[in-house]
Amino acid sequence: MIWTGSYTADRNAKGEGIGAISIDGQGNLTSLGLAVSADSPSFLAPHPTLPVLYAVAEEAGTVQAYRRTRVAELEPFGEAWPTGEATCHVAADPQGRFIIATCWGDGQVILFELDDDGAITSRFSAEAAVDPHHNGPTDQPRPSRAHSSLMLPDGRILTADLGNDLVRVWTYQPGSGLQADHQVVLPKGSGPRHMVRHSSGTVFVNTEYSLEVAAIRSEPQGVFELTAMVPVSVNKPFDGDAAAEIALSPDGRFAYVGVRGSNRMCILKVSAEGTSLEPLADVSTGGDWPRHHLVRDGWLLVAHEGSNDVMSYKLDPASGLPDGPVSRVETGSPSVLVPAS
């Protein structure tokens, strides 16, 4: 089963809250209905071991825990906690100690500690970003726009700042939140958005504005460095294009980057060492505004915010290319797809 986040009436959209869909072995999608009503729960993160789901309310600027009551039903678990402006992402610590919310509107990175039941207990706002590309008092300052976080196996945390072209590296300090460690500066105007870690240790970062994938690497407990910037597509960008989500195939041989505007899925081939990649092919997603996608059990699922649907595509394990769509299910303004734990 898969949870679906959405944009709702507070964003002039058609979603109603958090929904649920299922996919069978033939790729057929079925709506399981509305799990819980909520205002623009645009990104979701499941607790690693408990039947708890965390959702940001992007327009309201809050994060809320939900407890699973039945297979496809949720109920609020505790009170909503304040975040920042336009909170667009939430991720959970693999050990269940905390969640991190990132805010596009004001650049805040906020850690919320959890208790043993998965309830939110405390809030810590991290150090603000400083634009490394700012050139003094005559240069127009650019706003920080924190957009996502990624938990690493060594316990460190990465956050992407789309506005300041940064990937920031943090350590977790229990009882005090995030401690800044170092940062990786990407080219000005690239706009790092979402991140995924390859089994080789390379972290691939898709850039919303420049439509590229950055590769960053570090030795264990070492300093991350930018090692490559690669176009997402074999074709040049179209006017109005913006990269969205990045995901890897289970074997790590292929990367998938959704592009809103021209509504494409860009497939890239990852090198045998997992340290670099190259664009391979583009495929139409068959819908409007592919905001998020999920690779699962040999299928590619794409959430189209604009056409109010989720579509499934069969992935060829040899070529990495999607075939379809195989199935389509209607759901209002979907914004994220998250496997239910």
Protein backbone atom coordinates (compact mmCIF):
# COMPACT_ATOMS: atom_id res chain seq x y z
CA MET A 1 0.00 0.00 0.00
CA ILE A 2 1.10 3.57 -0.72
CA TRP A 3 0.18 6.79 1.06
CA THR A 4 -0.53 9.81 -1.16
CA GLY A 5 -0.02 13.39 -0.04
CA SER A 6 -1.87 16.19 -1.79
CA TYR A 7 -2.55 19.87 -2.21
CA THR A 8 -6.00 20.92 -1.04
CA ALA A 9 -8.43 23.85 -1.13
CA ASP A 10 -6.09 26.11 0.87
CA ARG A 11 -3.86 26.02 -2.21
CA ASN A 12 -6.76 26.16 -4.68
CA ALA A 13 -6.19 22.48 -5.44
CA LYS A 14 -8.39 19.38 -5.56
CA GLY A 15 -6.96 17.10 -2.87
CA GLU A 16 -8.72 16.36 0.40
CA GLY A 17 -5.85 15.14 2.57
CA ILE A 18 -3.82 11.94 2.86
CA GLY A 19 -5.07 9.11 0.67
CA ALA A 20 -4.07 5.52 0.04
CA ILE A 21 -3.69 3.44 -3.10
CA SER A 22 -2.65 -0.15 -3.77
CA ILE A 23 -0.80 -1.79 -6.65
CA ASP A 24 -1.03 -5.47 -7.59
CA GLY A 25 1.48 -7.71 -9.35
CA GLN A 26 0.24 -6.62 -12.78
CA GLY A 27 0.67 -2.93 -12.00
CA ASN A 28 -3.02 -2.21 -11.55
CA LEU A 29 -3.68 0.72 -9.24
CA THR A 30 -6.69 0.92 -6.93
CA SER A 31 -7.80 3.82 -4.77
CA LEU A 32 -8.35 2.86 -1.12
CA GLY A 33 -9.95 6.21 -0.39
CA LEU A 34 -9.19 9.08 1.95
CA ALA A 35 -7.15 8.01 4.98
CA VAL A 36 -7.59 11.31 6.83
CA SER A 37 -8.67 14.84 5.95
CA ALA A 38 -5.85 17.38 6.16
CA ASP A 39 -4.87 20.74 4.71
CA SER A 40 -2.20 20.39 1.98
CA PRO A 41 -0.21 17.48 3.43
CA SER A 42 2.29 17.91 0.62
CA PHE A 43 5.04 15.61 1.92
CA LEU A 44 4.93 12.52 4.10
CA ALA A 45 7.39 10.38 6.04
CA PRO A 46 6.63 7.08 7.80
CA HIS A 47 8.17 6.20 11.14
CA PRO A 48 10.76 3.44 10.54
CA THR A 49 9.17 0.89 12.91
CA LEU A 50 5.86 2.23 14.25
CA PRO A 51 2.44 2.69 12.58
CA VAL A 52 2.93 6.46 12.57
CA LEU A 53 3.05 8.82 9.60
CA TYR A 54 4.31 12.41 9.64
CA ALA A 55 2.94 15.07 7.30
CA VAL A 56 3.79 18.71 6.69
CA ALA A 57 0.96 21.16 6.11
CA GLU A 58 2.64 23.32 3.50
CA GLU A 59 0.30 26.30 3.58
CA ALA A 60 -0.36 26.26 7.34
CA GLY A 61 3.32 25.83 8.26
CA THR A 62 2.97 22.87 10.61
CA VAL A 63 3.96 19.23 10.97
CA GLN A 64 1.52 16.64 12.28
CA ALA A 65 1.92 13.03 13.40
CA TYR A 66 -0.81 10.56 12.40
CA ARG A 67 -1.42 7.13 13.84
CA ARG A 68 -2.58 4.27 11.63
CA THR A 69 -5.87 2.90 12.94
CA ARG A 70 -6.84 0.51 10.13
CA VAL A 71 -5.19 -0.67 6.93
CA ALA A 72 -5.88 2.58 5.08
CA GLU A 73 -7.05 4.91 7.84
CA LEU A 74 -5.20 7.47 9.96
CA GLU A 75 -6.00 9.70 12.91
CA PRO A 76 -4.10 12.70 14.33
CA PHE A 77 -1.56 11.69 16.97
CA GLY A 78 -0.89 14.66 19.25
CA GLU A 79 -1.03 18.31 18.29
CA ALA A 80 0.35 19.94 15.15
CA TRP A 81 3.71 21.64 15.72
CA PRO A 82 4.73 24.94 14.04
CA THR A 83 7.38 24.81 11.34
CA GLY A 84 8.22 27.67 8.98
CA GLU A 85 6.86 29.19 5.79
CA ALA A 86 5.95 26.81 2.96
CA THR A 87 7.19 23.65 4.66
CA CYS A 88 7.68 21.32 1.71
CA HIS A 89 9.47 18.20 3.00
CA VAL A 90 9.73 15.93 6.03
CA ALA A 91 12.01 12.94 6.62
CA ALA A 92 12.34 10.49 9.52
CA ASP A 93 15.49 9.31 11.23
CA PRO A 94 16.05 5.55 10.52
CA GLN A 95 16.37 5.00 14.28
CA GLY A 96 13.12 6.81 15.04
CA ARG A 97 14.73 9.50 17.21
CA PHE A 98 13.58 12.56 15.25
CA ILE A 99 12.07 14.00 12.08
CA ILE A 100 13.34 16.95 10.05
CA ALA A 101 11.12 19.48 8.30
CA THR A 102 12.51 21.81 5.64
CA CYS A 103 10.86 25.07 4.62
CA TRP A 104 10.94 26.53 1.13
CA GLY A 105 9.43 29.83 2.21
CA ASP A 106 11.95 31.00 4.82
CA GLY A 107 14.77 28.47 4.57
CA GLN A 108 14.30 27.00 8.03
CA VAL A 109 15.57 23.52 8.85
CA ILE A 110 13.78 22.21 11.95
CA LEU A 111 14.39 19.02 13.93
CA PHE A 112 11.61 17.54 16.05
CA GLU A 113 12.53 14.89 18.58
CA LEU A 114 10.25 11.88 19.08
CA ASP A 115 9.42 9.70 22.05
CA ASP A 116 9.29 5.89 22.06
CA ASP A 117 5.72 5.97 20.74
CA GLY A 118 6.63 8.21 17.81
CA ALA A 119 5.00 11.34 19.24
CA ILE A 120 6.66 14.72 18.71
CA THR A 121 8.15 16.06 21.96
CA SER A 122 10.47 18.98 21.17
CA ARG A 123 11.49 21.42 18.44
CA PHE A 124 14.93 22.78 17.46
CA SER A 125 15.56 25.28 14.67
CA ALA A 126 18.94 24.88 12.97
CA GLU A 127 21.46 27.56 12.06
CA ALA A 128 20.35 29.62 9.06
CA ALA A 129 22.09 29.28 5.71
CA VAL A 130 24.35 31.99 4.29
CA ASP A 131 24.48 32.41 0.51
CA PRO A 132 28.04 31.49 -0.58
CA HIS A 133 27.52 33.24 -3.91
CA HIS A 134 26.66 36.64 -2.39
CA ASN A 135 29.16 39.28 -3.56
CA GLY A 136 28.88 42.09 -1.07
CA PRO A 137 26.50 44.99 -0.34
CA THR A 138 25.79 45.82 -3.99
CA ASP A 139 24.71 42.25 -4.79
CA GLN A 140 21.01 41.49 -4.38
CA PRO A 141 20.64 38.89 -1.59
CA ARG A 142 18.93 35.62 -2.46
CA PRO A 143 16.51 33.95 -0.04
CA SER A 144 17.37 30.63 1.55
CA ARG A 145 14.93 27.91 0.44
CA ALA A 146 15.51 24.64 2.30
CA HIS A 147 13.87 21.90 0.25
CA SER A 148 14.71 18.42 1.54
CA SER A 149 16.78 16.29 3.90
CA LEU A 150 18.50 12.93 3.62
CA MET A 151 19.62 10.67 6.46
CA LEU A 152 22.98 8.94 5.98
CA PRO A 153 24.03 5.52 7.35
CA ASP A 154 26.81 7.12 9.43
CA GLY A 155 24.23 9.21 11.32
CA ARG A 156 24.87 12.49 9.54
CA ILE A 157 22.13 14.44 7.79
CA LEU A 158 22.17 16.30 4.48
CA THR A 159 19.84 19.18 3.65
CA ALA A 160 19.41 20.81 0.25
CA ASP A 161 18.99 24.58 -0.01
CA LEU A 162 17.49 25.40 -3.38
CA GLY A 163 17.78 29.17 -2.95
CA ASN A 164 21.42 29.32 -1.86
CA ASP A 165 22.70 26.41 -4.01
CA LEU A 166 23.94 24.44 -1.01
CA VAL A 167 24.00 20.93 0.34
CA ARG A 168 24.59 21.28 4.08
CA VAL A 169 25.96 18.50 6.28
CA TRP A 170 24.81 18.15 9.90
CA THR A 171 25.25 15.98 12.97
CA TYR A 172 22.49 15.28 15.46
CA GLN A 173 22.99 16.41 19.05
CA PRO A 174 20.30 14.90 21.33
CA GLY A 175 18.53 17.60 23.27
CA SER A 176 19.83 20.44 21.11
CA GLY A 177 19.07 19.54 17.49
CA LEU A 178 21.37 19.86 14.48
CA GLN A 179 25.01 20.92 14.59
CA ALA A 180 26.45 22.30 11.33
CA ASP A 181 29.46 20.29 10.11
CA HIS A 182 30.31 21.53 6.60
CA GLN A 183 28.64 22.34 3.30
CA VAL A 184 28.98 21.67 -0.42
CA VAL A 185 28.55 24.64 -2.75
CA LEU A 186 26.83 23.95 -6.08
CA PRO A 187 26.96 26.27 -9.12
CA LYS A 188 25.00 29.48 -8.73
CA GLY A 189 21.44 29.19 -9.95
CA SER A 190 21.39 25.39 -10.09
CA GLY A 191 18.79 24.95 -7.32
CA PRO A 192 19.45 21.64 -5.50
CA ARG A 193 16.07 20.10 -4.68
CA HIS A 194 15.97 16.40 -3.73
CA MET A 195 18.64 13.80 -2.94
CA VAL A 196 19.13 10.05 -3.07
CA ARG A 197 22.03 7.96 -1.82
CA HIS A 198 23.55 5.22 -3.98
CA SER A 199 24.91 2.07 -2.33
CA SER A 200 28.41 3.21 -3.41
CA GLY A 201 28.08 6.16 -1.03
CA THR A 202 27.59 8.72 -3.78
CA VAL A 203 24.71 11.10 -3.17
CA PHE A 204 22.91 12.26 -6.31
CA VAL A 205 21.16 15.65 -6.10
CA ASN A 206 18.75 16.83 -8.77
CA THR A 207 18.72 20.57 -9.46
CA GLU A 208 15.35 22.18 -10.09
CA TYR A 209 16.57 25.20 -12.02
CA SER A 210 19.51 23.96 -14.11
CA LEU A 211 17.99 20.48 -14.69
CA GLU A 212 21.12 18.60 -13.76
CA VAL A 213 22.18 15.89 -11.34
CA ALA A 214 25.05 16.70 -9.01
CA ALA A 215 27.17 13.90 -7.61
CA ILE A 216 28.73 14.47 -4.19
CA ARG A 217 30.98 12.02 -2.36
CA SER A 218 32.90 11.64 0.86
CA GLU A 219 35.03 9.06 2.58
CA PRO A 220 33.42 7.59 5.73
CA GLN A 221 33.04 10.43 8.25
CA GLY A 222 34.83 12.66 5.73
CA VAL A 223 34.08 15.85 3.89
CA PHE A 224 31.65 15.77 0.98
CA GLU A 225 32.85 17.22 -2.31
CA LEU A 226 31.11 17.97 -5.58
CA THR A 227 32.46 15.50 -8.15
CA ALA A 228 30.16 15.94 -11.18
CA MET A 229 27.29 17.94 -12.68
CA VAL A 230 25.42 16.03 -15.41
CA PRO A 231 22.35 17.09 -17.47
CA VAL A 232 19.23 15.14 -16.55
CA SER A 233 18.23 14.70 -20.18
CA VAL A 234 19.57 13.70 -23.56
CA ASN A 235 17.54 16.67 -24.82
CA LYS A 236 17.89 20.35 -23.97
CA PRO A 237 15.49 21.85 -21.39
CA PHE A 238 12.25 23.37 -22.57
CA ASP A 239 11.03 26.78 -21.38
CA GLY A 240 9.24 26.43 -18.06
CA ASP A 241 10.81 23.09 -17.16
CA ALA A 242 11.58 22.34 -13.50
CA ALA A 243 13.06 19.15 -12.09
CA ALA A 244 11.08 17.47 -9.32
CA GLU A 245 11.94 14.10 -7.74
CA ILE A 246 14.95 11.77 -8.17
CA ALA A 247 14.83 8.02 -7.48
CA LEU A 248 17.08 5.02 -8.12
CA SER A 249 16.31 1.54 -9.40
CA PRO A 250 16.68 -1.13 -6.69
CA ASP A 251 19.94 -2.37 -8.22
CA GLY A 252 21.30 1.19 -8.45
CA ARG A 253 21.94 0.97 -12.20
CA PHE A 254 19.49 3.68 -13.21
CA ALA A 255 18.28 7.03 -11.91
CA TYR A 256 14.90 8.61 -12.67
CA VAL A 257 14.30 12.37 -12.62
CA GLY A 258 10.84 13.83 -13.18
CA VAL A 259 10.58 17.10 -15.11
CA ARG A 260 7.51 19.30 -14.74
CA GLY A 261 6.53 21.52 -17.65
CA SER A 262 7.43 19.24 -20.54
CA ASN A 263 6.15 16.37 -18.35
CA ARG A 264 9.02 13.96 -18.91
CA MET A 265 10.70 11.21 -17.00
CA CYS A 266 14.43 11.39 -17.63
CA ILE A 267 16.32 8.12 -17.24
CA LEU A 268 20.04 8.20 -16.48
CA LYS A 269 22.49 5.30 -16.39
CA VAL A 270 24.66 5.03 -13.29
CA SER A 271 28.27 3.93 -13.76
CA ALA A 272 29.31 0.46 -12.57
CA GLU A 273 31.18 2.05 -9.68
CA GLY A 274 28.14 4.14 -8.73
CA THR A 275 30.17 7.33 -8.80
CA SER A 276 28.79 9.03 -11.91
CA LEU A 277 25.90 8.90 -14.35
CA GLU A 278 24.91 9.88 -17.89
CA PRO A 279 21.56 10.69 -19.48
CA LEU A 280 20.05 7.74 -21.32
CA ALA A 281 16.53 8.54 -22.51
CA ASP A 282 13.38 10.63 -21.95
CA VAL A 283 9.84 9.26 -21.75
CA SER A 284 6.58 11.19 -21.54
CA THR A 285 4.86 10.66 -18.20
CA GLY A 286 1.43 10.77 -19.82
CA GLY A 287 0.03 13.32 -17.38
CA ASP A 288 0.43 16.91 -16.25
CA TRP A 289 3.03 18.18 -13.76
CA PRO A 290 4.80 15.06 -12.43
CA ARG A 291 5.62 16.36 -8.95
CA HIS A 292 6.78 13.07 -7.42
CA HIS A 293 7.48 9.46 -8.35
CA LEU A 294 8.28 6.16 -6.69
CA VAL A 295 10.23 3.11 -7.91
CA ARG A 296 8.82 -0.03 -6.29
CA ASP A 297 8.90 -3.77 -7.09
CA GLY A 298 9.71 -3.27 -10.77
CA TRP A 299 7.19 -0.47 -11.25
CA LEU A 300 7.48 3.29 -11.67
CA LEU A 301 4.59 5.21 -10.12
CA VAL A 302 4.16 8.87 -11.08
CA ALA A 303 2.03 11.42 -9.20
CA HIS A 304 0.66 14.09 -11.56
CA GLU A 305 -0.41 17.12 -9.56
CA GLY A 306 -1.89 18.88 -12.59
CA SER A 307 -3.96 16.03 -14.05
CA ASN A 308 -5.02 14.66 -10.64
CA ASP A 309 -3.82 11.10 -11.09
CA VAL A 310 -1.20 8.48 -10.36
CA MET A 311 0.05 6.27 -13.20
CA SER A 312 2.04 3.03 -13.18
CA TYR A 313 4.71 1.97 -15.67
CA LYS A 314 6.52 -1.35 -15.97
CA LEU A 315 10.31 -0.99 -15.73
CA ASP A 316 12.51 -3.09 -17.98
CA PRO A 317 15.22 -4.47 -15.67
CA ALA A 318 17.79 -4.62 -18.48
CA SER A 319 17.31 -1.23 -20.13
CA GLY A 320 15.82 0.63 -17.16
CA LEU A 321 13.17 2.14 -19.43
CA PRO A 322 9.52 2.43 -18.39
CA ASP A 323 6.72 0.97 -20.51
CA GLY A 324 3.12 2.08 -20.24
CA PRO A 325 1.19 3.56 -18.62
CA VAL A 326 -0.20 0.27 -17.39
CA SER A 327 -2.76 1.72 -15.00
CA ARG A 328 -4.18 5.06 -13.89
CA VAL A 329 -6.05 6.03 -10.74
CA GLU A 330 -7.63 9.41 -10.10
CA THR A 331 -6.68 11.26 -6.94
CA GLY A 332 -6.85 14.99 -6.24
CA SER A 333 -3.63 17.01 -6.77
CA PRO A 334 -1.17 14.30 -5.62
CA SER A 335 2.15 15.65 -4.36
CA VAL A 336 4.02 12.65 -2.91
CA LEU A 337 3.96 8.84 -2.90
CA VAL A 338 5.26 7.00 0.18
CA PRO A 339 5.20 3.24 0.81
CA ALA A 340 3.27 2.34 3.94
CA SER A 341 5.54 0.73 6.55
